[in-house]
Amino acid sequence: MSGATIALAEPEEQAATSVAEIEPAPRAAAWYLIFVLTLAYTVSFVDRQVLNLLVAPLKADFGLSDTRLSLLQGLAFTTAYILFSPLFGRLADTGSRRRILIGGVGLWSLGTSLCGLARGYWQLFFARAAVGGAEASLTPAAWSIIADSFPTRMIPRAFSIFLMGPYIGGGWRSFSAACCSRRPTGGT
């Protein structure tokens, strides 16, 4: 817009035009960052929900009651997530957010692996708690990085893309459940 056009515009339009001219567009690296963070959020959601797909095998292999299974699905994961969220929030404020993300993804991947290797209920319980505690690192670090990587006017769009992660993960979980529930028909 030319200077004369800006001068004739309404004050709200002037402010919007001025901000758009001052703030540069996000770089390709910022959009790549959103892609990676959304992918991580999707995987974290699938990872926290995968136990729901394995209810029958877990009950059979570990001889679990409904109560013990619900403690694995809820208490183990959620308590650790709630306890570690403020810690990771503080670390995201004061430390290296990139290291927090990398360390968190590494630790929750290790926790997921330990869930697969568990030979008893308590091993599985503590491995689930490790997954929950480590996944608590993603949100505070990601939100902080996103806010710093985008101009103010683009932050809502960036967050909306990042926040699609659980819905993508939920769709993947539903797809996986449908595929896993198919039984062989026993043909020739």
N, C-alpha and C. Protein backbone atom coordinates (compact mmCIF):
# COMPACT_ATOMS: atom_id res chain seq x y z
N MET A 1 0.84 -1.18 0.00
CA MET A 1 0.00 0.00 0.00
C MET A 1 0.89 1.24 0.00
N SER A 2 0.42 2.26 -0.67
CA SER A 2 1.17 3.50 -0.68
C SER A 2 0.89 4.27 0.59
N GLY A 3 1.71 5.25 0.86
CA GLY A 3 1.56 6.07 2.07
C GLY A 3 0.22 6.79 2.10
N ALA A 4 -0.25 7.29 0.93
CA ALA A 4 -1.53 8.00 0.87
C ALA A 4 -2.68 7.05 1.18
N THR A 5 -2.61 5.83 0.68
CA THR A 5 -3.66 4.85 0.93
C THR A 5 -3.72 4.51 2.42
N ILE A 6 -2.57 4.35 3.06
CA ILE A 6 -2.52 4.06 4.48
C ILE A 6 -3.11 5.21 5.28
N ALA A 7 -2.80 6.45 4.88
CA ALA A 7 -3.30 7.62 5.60
C ALA A 7 -4.82 7.72 5.51
N LEU A 8 -5.41 7.29 4.40
CA LEU A 8 -6.86 7.37 4.22
C LEU A 8 -7.59 6.17 4.84
N ALA A 9 -6.87 5.14 5.19
CA ALA A 9 -7.49 3.93 5.74
C ALA A 9 -7.96 4.17 7.17
N GLU A 10 -8.87 3.33 7.61
CA GLU A 10 -9.33 3.37 8.99
C GLU A 10 -8.17 3.00 9.92
N PRO A 11 -8.20 3.43 11.20
CA PRO A 11 -7.11 3.13 12.12
C PRO A 11 -6.82 1.63 12.25
N GLU A 12 -7.88 0.79 12.27
CA GLU A 12 -7.65 -0.66 12.39
C GLU A 12 -6.91 -1.19 11.17
N GLU A 13 -7.27 -0.68 10.00
CA GLU A 13 -6.61 -1.10 8.77
C GLU A 13 -5.17 -0.61 8.75
N GLN A 14 -4.92 0.60 9.28
CA GLN A 14 -3.56 1.12 9.34
C GLN A 14 -2.70 0.22 10.20
N ALA A 15 -3.21 -0.18 11.36
CA ALA A 15 -2.43 -1.02 12.26
C ALA A 15 -2.15 -2.36 11.62
N ALA A 16 -3.15 -2.95 10.97
CA ALA A 16 -2.95 -4.26 10.33
C ALA A 16 -1.94 -4.16 9.20
N THR A 17 -2.03 -3.09 8.41
CA THR A 17 -1.10 -2.92 7.31
C THR A 17 0.31 -2.68 7.84
N SER A 18 0.43 -1.88 8.87
CA SER A 18 1.75 -1.59 9.41
C SER A 18 2.40 -2.84 9.98
N VAL A 19 1.64 -3.65 10.70
CA VAL A 19 2.18 -4.89 11.28
C VAL A 19 2.60 -5.84 10.17
N ALA A 20 1.76 -5.97 9.13
CA ALA A 20 2.07 -6.88 8.03
C ALA A 20 3.34 -6.44 7.30
N GLU A 21 3.54 -5.12 7.19
CA GLU A 21 4.73 -4.64 6.50
C GLU A 21 5.96 -4.78 7.37
N ILE A 22 5.82 -4.67 8.69
CA ILE A 22 6.97 -4.74 9.59
C ILE A 22 7.40 -6.18 9.83
N GLU A 23 6.43 -7.07 10.08
CA GLU A 23 6.76 -8.46 10.40
C GLU A 23 6.99 -9.23 9.11
N PRO A 24 8.15 -9.87 9.00
CA PRO A 24 8.40 -10.67 7.81
C PRO A 24 7.58 -11.95 7.83
N ALA A 25 7.38 -12.51 6.67
CA ALA A 25 6.67 -13.80 6.58
C ALA A 25 7.57 -14.88 7.18
N PRO A 26 6.95 -15.92 7.73
CA PRO A 26 7.77 -17.00 8.30
C PRO A 26 8.58 -17.69 7.21
N ARG A 27 9.74 -18.13 7.58
CA ARG A 27 10.62 -18.80 6.63
C ARG A 27 10.16 -20.24 6.45
N ALA A 28 10.70 -20.88 5.45
CA ALA A 28 10.38 -22.29 5.19
C ALA A 28 10.77 -23.15 6.39
N ALA A 29 11.84 -22.78 7.06
CA ALA A 29 12.28 -23.54 8.24
C ALA A 29 11.23 -23.53 9.34
N ALA A 30 10.49 -22.44 9.49
CA ALA A 30 9.45 -22.37 10.50
C ALA A 30 8.31 -23.34 10.16
N TRP A 31 7.96 -23.43 8.89
CA TRP A 31 6.90 -24.36 8.49
C TRP A 31 7.37 -25.80 8.62
N TYR A 32 8.63 -26.04 8.32
CA TYR A 32 9.19 -27.39 8.54
C TYR A 32 9.15 -27.74 10.02
N LEU A 33 9.46 -26.77 10.87
CA LEU A 33 9.38 -26.96 12.31
C LEU A 33 7.96 -27.36 12.72
N ILE A 34 6.96 -26.67 12.19
CA ILE A 34 5.56 -27.01 12.49
C ILE A 34 5.26 -28.44 12.06
N PHE A 35 5.74 -28.83 10.89
CA PHE A 35 5.54 -30.19 10.41
C PHE A 35 6.14 -31.20 11.38
N VAL A 36 7.38 -30.99 11.80
CA VAL A 36 8.06 -31.92 12.71
C VAL A 36 7.37 -31.96 14.07
N LEU A 37 7.01 -30.79 14.60
CA LEU A 37 6.34 -30.76 15.91
C LEU A 37 4.96 -31.40 15.85
N THR A 38 4.23 -31.19 14.77
CA THR A 38 2.92 -31.81 14.61
C THR A 38 3.07 -33.33 14.49
N LEU A 39 4.07 -33.76 13.78
CA LEU A 39 4.35 -35.20 13.68
C LEU A 39 4.67 -35.78 15.05
N ALA A 40 5.49 -35.08 15.83
CA ALA A 40 5.83 -35.54 17.18
C ALA A 40 4.58 -35.61 18.06
N TYR A 41 3.72 -34.60 17.95
CA TYR A 41 2.48 -34.57 18.74
C TYR A 41 1.55 -35.72 18.32
N THR A 42 1.50 -36.00 17.02
CA THR A 42 0.70 -37.11 16.52
C THR A 42 1.21 -38.43 17.08
N VAL A 43 2.52 -38.63 17.01
CA VAL A 43 3.12 -39.87 17.52
C VAL A 43 2.90 -39.98 19.02
N SER A 44 3.02 -38.88 19.74
CA SER A 44 2.81 -38.93 21.19
C SER A 44 1.37 -39.33 21.51
N PHE A 45 0.42 -38.85 20.73
CA PHE A 45 -0.98 -39.22 20.97
C PHE A 45 -1.22 -40.69 20.66
N VAL A 46 -0.67 -41.17 19.55
CA VAL A 46 -0.80 -42.59 19.22
C VAL A 46 -0.15 -43.43 20.31
N ASP A 47 1.01 -42.98 20.77
CA ASP A 47 1.76 -43.71 21.78
C ASP A 47 0.99 -43.80 23.10
N ARG A 48 0.32 -42.75 23.47
CA ARG A 48 -0.43 -42.80 24.73
C ARG A 48 -1.71 -43.59 24.59
N GLN A 49 -2.23 -43.74 23.38
CA GLN A 49 -3.48 -44.47 23.17
C GLN A 49 -3.31 -45.92 22.74
N VAL A 50 -2.10 -46.32 22.39
CA VAL A 50 -1.89 -47.66 21.85
C VAL A 50 -2.26 -48.76 22.84
N LEU A 51 -2.15 -48.48 24.12
CA LEU A 51 -2.52 -49.47 25.13
C LEU A 51 -3.99 -49.86 25.01
N ASN A 52 -4.82 -48.93 24.57
CA ASN A 52 -6.25 -49.21 24.40
C ASN A 52 -6.50 -50.26 23.32
N LEU A 53 -5.59 -50.38 22.36
CA LEU A 53 -5.73 -51.39 21.31
C LEU A 53 -5.33 -52.77 21.81
N LEU A 54 -4.63 -52.82 22.92
CA LEU A 54 -4.07 -54.08 23.40
C LEU A 54 -4.73 -54.60 24.66
N VAL A 55 -5.94 -54.17 24.93
CA VAL A 55 -6.62 -54.55 26.17
C VAL A 55 -6.72 -56.07 26.30
N ALA A 56 -7.27 -56.73 25.31
CA ALA A 56 -7.48 -58.19 25.40
C ALA A 56 -6.15 -58.94 25.53
N PRO A 57 -5.14 -58.65 24.70
CA PRO A 57 -3.88 -59.37 24.86
C PRO A 57 -3.20 -59.11 26.21
N LEU A 58 -3.28 -57.86 26.70
CA LEU A 58 -2.67 -57.55 28.00
C LEU A 58 -3.37 -58.29 29.13
N LYS A 59 -4.68 -58.30 29.08
CA LYS A 59 -5.44 -59.00 30.12
C LYS A 59 -5.08 -60.49 30.12
N ALA A 60 -4.93 -61.05 28.94
CA ALA A 60 -4.61 -62.48 28.83
C ALA A 60 -3.17 -62.77 29.25
N ASP A 61 -2.22 -61.99 28.75
CA ASP A 61 -0.80 -62.25 29.03
C ASP A 61 -0.40 -61.98 30.47
N PHE A 62 -0.95 -60.90 31.04
CA PHE A 62 -0.57 -60.51 32.40
C PHE A 62 -1.61 -60.90 33.44
N GLY A 63 -2.72 -61.46 33.01
CA GLY A 63 -3.78 -61.82 33.94
C GLY A 63 -4.33 -60.61 34.68
N LEU A 64 -4.56 -59.53 33.96
CA LEU A 64 -4.97 -58.27 34.59
C LEU A 64 -6.47 -58.20 34.80
N SER A 65 -6.84 -57.63 35.93
CA SER A 65 -8.24 -57.30 36.16
C SER A 65 -8.54 -55.98 35.45
N ASP A 66 -9.81 -55.64 35.35
CA ASP A 66 -10.18 -54.37 34.73
C ASP A 66 -9.59 -53.18 35.52
N THR A 67 -9.54 -53.32 36.84
CA THR A 67 -9.00 -52.24 37.68
C THR A 67 -7.52 -52.03 37.40
N ARG A 68 -6.76 -53.10 37.38
CA ARG A 68 -5.32 -52.95 37.13
C ARG A 68 -5.05 -52.41 35.73
N LEU A 69 -5.85 -52.84 34.77
CA LEU A 69 -5.69 -52.33 33.42
C LEU A 69 -6.02 -50.84 33.36
N SER A 70 -7.06 -50.42 34.06
CA SER A 70 -7.41 -49.00 34.06
C SER A 70 -6.34 -48.16 34.75
N LEU A 71 -5.66 -48.74 35.75
CA LEU A 71 -4.56 -48.02 36.39
C LEU A 71 -3.39 -47.83 35.42
N LEU A 72 -3.17 -48.81 34.57
CA LEU A 72 -2.13 -48.67 33.54
C LEU A 72 -2.52 -47.59 32.52
N GLN A 73 -3.77 -47.63 32.09
CA GLN A 73 -4.23 -46.69 31.07
C GLN A 73 -4.34 -45.26 31.60
N GLY A 74 -4.70 -45.11 32.86
CA GLY A 74 -4.94 -43.77 33.40
C GLY A 74 -3.90 -43.31 34.39
N LEU A 75 -3.90 -43.91 35.56
CA LEU A 75 -3.09 -43.41 36.66
C LEU A 75 -1.59 -43.37 36.34
N ALA A 76 -1.05 -44.43 35.80
CA ALA A 76 0.39 -44.49 35.53
C ALA A 76 0.82 -43.36 34.60
N PHE A 77 0.12 -43.22 33.51
CA PHE A 77 0.48 -42.20 32.52
C PHE A 77 0.16 -40.79 33.01
N THR A 78 -1.07 -40.61 33.46
CA THR A 78 -1.56 -39.27 33.79
C THR A 78 -0.85 -38.65 34.98
N THR A 79 -0.60 -39.42 36.02
CA THR A 79 0.08 -38.88 37.20
C THR A 79 1.47 -38.37 36.84
N ALA A 80 2.21 -39.16 36.08
CA ALA A 80 3.55 -38.73 35.67
C ALA A 80 3.47 -37.51 34.76
N TYR A 81 2.51 -37.49 33.86
CA TYR A 81 2.35 -36.35 32.96
C TYR A 81 2.07 -35.07 33.74
N ILE A 82 1.17 -35.18 34.71
CA ILE A 82 0.83 -34.00 35.52
C ILE A 82 2.00 -33.55 36.39
N LEU A 83 2.72 -34.49 36.96
CA LEU A 83 3.85 -34.14 37.83
C LEU A 83 5.00 -33.50 37.05
N PHE A 84 5.25 -33.98 35.84
CA PHE A 84 6.40 -33.48 35.09
C PHE A 84 6.08 -32.26 34.22
N SER A 85 4.82 -31.98 33.96
CA SER A 85 4.47 -30.82 33.12
C SER A 85 5.02 -29.50 33.66
N PRO A 86 4.83 -29.17 34.95
CA PRO A 86 5.40 -27.90 35.44
C PRO A 86 6.93 -27.86 35.36
N LEU A 87 7.55 -29.01 35.60
CA LEU A 87 9.01 -29.07 35.52
C LEU A 87 9.48 -28.76 34.10
N PHE A 88 8.86 -29.39 33.12
CA PHE A 88 9.26 -29.12 31.73
C PHE A 88 8.86 -27.72 31.29
N GLY A 89 7.77 -27.20 31.84
CA GLY A 89 7.40 -25.81 31.54
C GLY A 89 8.48 -24.85 32.03
N ARG A 90 8.96 -25.08 33.24
CA ARG A 90 10.02 -24.23 33.79
C ARG A 90 11.31 -24.38 32.98
N LEU A 91 11.65 -25.62 32.62
CA LEU A 91 12.85 -25.84 31.82
C LEU A 91 12.73 -25.18 30.44
N ALA A 92 11.53 -25.18 29.87
CA ALA A 92 11.33 -24.52 28.57
C ALA A 92 11.52 -23.01 28.71
N ASP A 93 11.19 -22.46 29.88
CA ASP A 93 11.40 -21.03 30.11
C ASP A 93 12.87 -20.66 30.28
N THR A 94 13.63 -21.57 30.86
CA THR A 94 15.00 -21.23 31.24
C THR A 94 16.09 -21.96 30.47
N GLY A 95 15.76 -23.06 29.83
CA GLY A 95 16.79 -23.88 29.21
C GLY A 95 16.66 -23.96 27.70
N SER A 96 17.32 -24.94 27.16
CA SER A 96 17.32 -25.18 25.71
C SER A 96 16.07 -25.99 25.36
N ARG A 97 15.15 -25.36 24.68
CA ARG A 97 13.91 -26.04 24.31
C ARG A 97 14.17 -27.16 23.32
N ARG A 98 15.14 -26.98 22.47
CA ARG A 98 15.48 -28.03 21.50
C ARG A 98 15.97 -29.28 22.22
N ARG A 99 16.82 -29.09 23.21
CA ARG A 99 17.32 -30.24 23.99
C ARG A 99 16.19 -30.90 24.77
N ILE A 100 15.27 -30.08 25.28
CA ILE A 100 14.12 -30.63 26.01
C ILE A 100 13.30 -31.52 25.08
N LEU A 101 13.05 -31.05 23.86
CA LEU A 101 12.28 -31.83 22.90
C LEU A 101 13.00 -33.12 22.52
N ILE A 102 14.25 -33.01 22.20
CA ILE A 102 15.01 -34.20 21.79
C ILE A 102 15.10 -35.19 22.94
N GLY A 103 15.40 -34.69 24.13
CA GLY A 103 15.47 -35.58 25.30
C GLY A 103 14.13 -36.20 25.63
N GLY A 104 13.06 -35.41 25.54
CA GLY A 104 11.72 -35.93 25.82
C GLY A 104 11.31 -37.01 24.85
N VAL A 105 11.53 -36.78 23.56
CA VAL A 105 11.19 -37.79 22.55
C VAL A 105 12.02 -39.05 22.77
N GLY A 106 13.29 -38.88 23.08
CA GLY A 106 14.15 -40.03 23.34
C GLY A 106 13.68 -40.83 24.56
N LEU A 107 13.33 -40.11 25.63
CA LEU A 107 12.90 -40.80 26.85
C LEU A 107 11.55 -41.48 26.67
N TRP A 108 10.61 -40.83 25.97
CA TRP A 108 9.33 -41.51 25.82
C TRP A 108 9.44 -42.68 24.84
N SER A 109 10.37 -42.61 23.89
CA SER A 109 10.62 -43.76 23.02
C SER A 109 11.21 -44.91 23.82
N LEU A 110 12.12 -44.58 24.73
CA LEU A 110 12.68 -45.61 25.62
C LEU A 110 11.59 -46.20 26.50
N GLY A 111 10.72 -45.35 27.05
CA GLY A 111 9.61 -45.84 27.87
C GLY A 111 8.68 -46.75 27.09
N THR A 112 8.41 -46.40 25.85
CA THR A 112 7.57 -47.24 25.00
C THR A 112 8.24 -48.59 24.74
N SER A 113 9.54 -48.56 24.51
CA SER A 113 10.28 -49.81 24.32
C SER A 113 10.23 -50.68 25.58
N LEU A 114 10.37 -50.03 26.72
CA LEU A 114 10.29 -50.77 27.98
C LEU A 114 8.91 -51.36 28.21
N CYS A 115 7.87 -50.67 27.74
CA CYS A 115 6.52 -51.25 27.82
C CYS A 115 6.46 -52.56 27.03
N GLY A 116 7.08 -52.58 25.87
CA GLY A 116 7.09 -53.78 25.05
C GLY A 116 7.92 -54.90 25.65
N LEU A 117 8.90 -54.57 26.45
CA LEU A 117 9.77 -55.57 27.07
C LEU A 117 9.31 -56.00 28.46
N ALA A 118 8.30 -55.35 28.99
CA ALA A 118 7.85 -55.64 30.36
C ALA A 118 7.41 -57.09 30.49
N ARG A 119 7.80 -57.70 31.61
CA ARG A 119 7.45 -59.09 31.90
C ARG A 119 6.47 -59.21 33.06
N GLY A 120 6.15 -58.09 33.67
CA GLY A 120 5.23 -58.10 34.80
C GLY A 120 4.45 -56.80 34.87
N TYR A 121 3.44 -56.80 35.71
CA TYR A 121 2.56 -55.65 35.83
C TYR A 121 3.32 -54.40 36.26
N TRP A 122 4.15 -54.50 37.28
CA TRP A 122 4.82 -53.31 37.80
C TRP A 122 5.85 -52.77 36.83
N GLN A 123 6.50 -53.64 36.09
CA GLN A 123 7.41 -53.16 35.04
C GLN A 123 6.63 -52.35 34.00
N LEU A 124 5.47 -52.87 33.61
CA LEU A 124 4.64 -52.17 32.64
C LEU A 124 4.11 -50.86 33.21
N PHE A 125 3.73 -50.88 34.49
CA PHE A 125 3.22 -49.68 35.16
C PHE A 125 4.26 -48.56 35.15
N PHE A 126 5.49 -48.89 35.56
CA PHE A 126 6.53 -47.86 35.62
C PHE A 126 7.01 -47.44 34.23
N ALA A 127 6.97 -48.34 33.27
CA ALA A 127 7.31 -47.96 31.90
C ALA A 127 6.26 -46.99 31.34
N ARG A 128 4.98 -47.24 31.65
CA ARG A 128 3.91 -46.31 31.24
C ARG A 128 4.09 -44.95 31.90
N ALA A 129 4.48 -44.96 33.17
CA ALA A 129 4.73 -43.69 33.87
C ALA A 129 5.89 -42.95 33.21
N ALA A 130 6.91 -43.68 32.77
CA ALA A 130 8.04 -43.05 32.08
C ALA A 130 7.58 -42.41 30.77
N VAL A 131 6.70 -43.09 30.06
CA VAL A 131 6.15 -42.53 28.82
C VAL A 131 5.39 -41.23 29.14
N GLY A 132 4.54 -41.27 30.15
CA GLY A 132 3.76 -40.08 30.52
C GLY A 132 4.64 -38.92 30.94
N GLY A 133 5.61 -39.19 31.78
CA GLY A 133 6.50 -38.12 32.25
C GLY A 133 7.30 -37.51 31.12
N ALA A 134 7.79 -38.34 30.21
CA ALA A 134 8.59 -37.83 29.10
C ALA A 134 7.73 -37.07 28.08
N GLU A 135 6.50 -37.53 27.84
CA GLU A 135 5.63 -36.83 26.89
C GLU A 135 5.25 -35.45 27.39
N ALA A 136 5.35 -35.22 28.69
CA ALA A 136 5.04 -33.90 29.24
C ALA A 136 6.01 -32.83 28.75
N SER A 137 7.12 -33.24 28.17
CA SER A 137 8.11 -32.27 27.67
C SER A 137 7.69 -31.61 26.37
N LEU A 138 6.85 -32.27 25.59
CA LEU A 138 6.55 -31.79 24.24
C LEU A 138 5.80 -30.47 24.22
N THR A 139 4.70 -30.38 24.91
CA THR A 139 3.84 -29.20 24.77
C THR A 139 4.50 -27.90 25.20
N PRO A 140 5.09 -27.80 26.39
CA PRO A 140 5.66 -26.49 26.75
C PRO A 140 6.80 -26.05 25.84
N ALA A 141 7.66 -26.99 25.48
CA ALA A 141 8.78 -26.63 24.61
C ALA A 141 8.29 -26.27 23.22
N ALA A 142 7.33 -27.04 22.68
CA ALA A 142 6.82 -26.77 21.34
C ALA A 142 6.11 -25.42 21.28
N TRP A 143 5.27 -25.13 22.26
CA TRP A 143 4.54 -23.86 22.25
C TRP A 143 5.50 -22.68 22.28
N SER A 144 6.53 -22.79 23.08
CA SER A 144 7.50 -21.72 23.20
C SER A 144 8.27 -21.51 21.89
N ILE A 145 8.68 -22.61 21.28
CA ILE A 145 9.42 -22.52 20.02
C ILE A 145 8.53 -21.95 18.92
N ILE A 146 7.27 -22.40 18.86
CA ILE A 146 6.35 -21.90 17.83
C ILE A 146 6.15 -20.39 17.99
N ALA A 147 5.95 -19.95 19.22
CA ALA A 147 5.72 -18.51 19.46
C ALA A 147 6.92 -17.68 19.04
N ASP A 148 8.13 -18.22 19.17
CA ASP A 148 9.32 -17.49 18.77
C ASP A 148 9.63 -17.59 17.28
N SER A 149 9.06 -18.56 16.59
CA SER A 149 9.40 -18.82 15.19
C SER A 149 8.49 -18.14 14.19
N PHE A 150 7.37 -17.61 14.65
CA PHE A 150 6.40 -17.01 13.74
C PHE A 150 6.10 -15.57 14.13
N PRO A 151 5.79 -14.74 13.14
CA PRO A 151 5.36 -13.38 13.47
C PRO A 151 4.03 -13.45 14.23
N THR A 152 3.77 -12.45 15.03
CA THR A 152 2.60 -12.43 15.90
C THR A 152 1.31 -12.74 15.15
N ARG A 153 1.14 -12.20 13.98
CA ARG A 153 -0.10 -12.40 13.24
C ARG A 153 -0.26 -13.84 12.73
N MET A 154 0.82 -14.62 12.68
CA MET A 154 0.78 -15.98 12.16
C MET A 154 0.77 -17.05 13.26
N ILE A 155 0.95 -16.64 14.50
CA ILE A 155 1.01 -17.62 15.60
C ILE A 155 -0.27 -18.44 15.71
N PRO A 156 -1.47 -17.86 15.61
CA PRO A 156 -2.67 -18.70 15.70
C PRO A 156 -2.73 -19.78 14.62
N ARG A 157 -2.32 -19.46 13.41
CA ARG A 157 -2.31 -20.46 12.35
C ARG A 157 -1.31 -21.57 12.65
N ALA A 158 -0.14 -21.18 13.12
CA ALA A 158 0.88 -22.18 13.46
C ALA A 158 0.40 -23.09 14.57
N PHE A 159 -0.20 -22.52 15.61
CA PHE A 159 -0.73 -23.34 16.70
C PHE A 159 -1.86 -24.25 16.23
N SER A 160 -2.71 -23.75 15.35
CA SER A 160 -3.83 -24.58 14.90
C SER A 160 -3.33 -25.79 14.12
N ILE A 161 -2.26 -25.64 13.37
CA ILE A 161 -1.68 -26.77 12.66
C ILE A 161 -1.05 -27.74 13.65
N PHE A 162 -0.29 -27.22 14.61
CA PHE A 162 0.33 -28.07 15.63
C PHE A 162 -0.73 -28.85 16.41
N LEU A 163 -1.82 -28.19 16.74
CA LEU A 163 -2.86 -28.81 17.57
C LEU A 163 -3.72 -29.80 16.80
N MET A 164 -3.46 -29.98 15.51
CA MET A 164 -4.12 -31.05 14.76
C MET A 164 -3.51 -32.41 15.09
N GLY A 165 -2.32 -32.43 15.70
CA GLY A 165 -1.62 -33.67 15.99
C GLY A 165 -2.46 -34.75 16.66
N PRO A 166 -3.13 -34.44 17.79
CA PRO A 166 -3.94 -35.49 18.43
C PRO A 166 -5.09 -36.00 17.56
N TYR A 167 -5.65 -35.14 16.72
CA TYR A 167 -6.75 -35.58 15.85
C TYR A 167 -6.23 -36.48 14.74
N ILE A 168 -5.07 -36.16 14.22
CA ILE A 168 -4.44 -37.04 13.23
C ILE A 168 -4.11 -38.37 13.91
N GLY A 169 -3.55 -38.30 15.11
CA GLY A 169 -3.22 -39.52 15.85
C GLY A 169 -4.45 -40.33 16.19
N GLY A 170 -5.55 -39.64 16.54
CA GLY A 170 -6.79 -40.35 16.83
C GLY A 170 -7.33 -41.06 15.59
N GLY A 171 -7.21 -40.41 14.45
CA GLY A 171 -7.62 -41.05 13.20
C GLY A 171 -6.76 -42.26 12.88
N TRP A 172 -5.46 -42.14 13.11
CA TRP A 172 -4.56 -43.26 12.88
C TRP A 172 -4.88 -44.41 13.84
N ARG A 173 -5.19 -44.06 15.10
CA ARG A 173 -5.53 -45.07 16.09
C ARG A 173 -6.78 -45.81 15.66
N SER A 174 -7.80 -45.09 15.18
CA SER A 174 -9.04 -45.72 14.73
C SER A 174 -8.78 -46.62 13.53
N PHE A 175 -7.95 -46.15 12.61
CA PHE A 175 -7.59 -46.94 11.44
C PHE A 175 -6.87 -48.22 11.88
N SER A 176 -5.93 -48.09 12.81
CA SER A 176 -5.18 -49.25 13.30
C SER A 176 -6.11 -50.23 14.01
N ALA A 177 -7.04 -49.70 14.80
CA ALA A 177 -7.98 -50.58 15.50
C ALA A 177 -8.81 -51.37 14.52
N ALA A 178 -9.24 -50.73 13.45
CA ALA A 178 -10.04 -51.43 12.45
C ALA A 178 -9.22 -52.52 11.75
N CYS A 179 -7.96 -52.21 11.47
CA CYS A 179 -7.09 -53.19 10.82
C CYS A 179 -6.76 -54.36 11.75
N CYS A 180 -6.52 -54.04 13.03
CA CYS A 180 -6.14 -55.07 14.00
C CYS A 180 -7.30 -55.98 14.36
N SER A 181 -8.53 -55.50 14.23
CA SER A 181 -9.67 -56.29 14.65
C SER A 181 -10.12 -57.27 13.57
N ARG A 182 -9.55 -57.20 12.40
CA ARG A 182 -9.92 -58.15 11.35
C ARG A 182 -9.41 -59.52 11.70
N ARG A 183 -10.25 -60.49 11.52
CA ARG A 183 -9.89 -61.87 11.78
C ARG A 183 -9.71 -62.58 10.42
N PRO A 184 -8.74 -63.48 10.37
CA PRO A 184 -8.60 -64.24 9.12
C PRO A 184 -9.87 -65.05 8.87
N THR A 185 -10.27 -65.09 7.63
CA THR A 185 -11.50 -65.79 7.30
C THR A 185 -11.25 -67.26 7.03
N GLY A 186 -10.00 -67.65 6.95
CA GLY A 186 -9.68 -69.07 6.75
C GLY A 186 -10.08 -69.55 5.39
N GLY A 187 -9.41 -69.15 4.41
CA GLY A 187 -9.70 -69.56 3.04
C GLY A 187 -8.73 -70.63 2.59
N THR A 188 -8.72 -70.87 1.31
CA THR A 188 -7.82 -71.87 0.77
C THR A 188 -6.51 -71.31 0.38
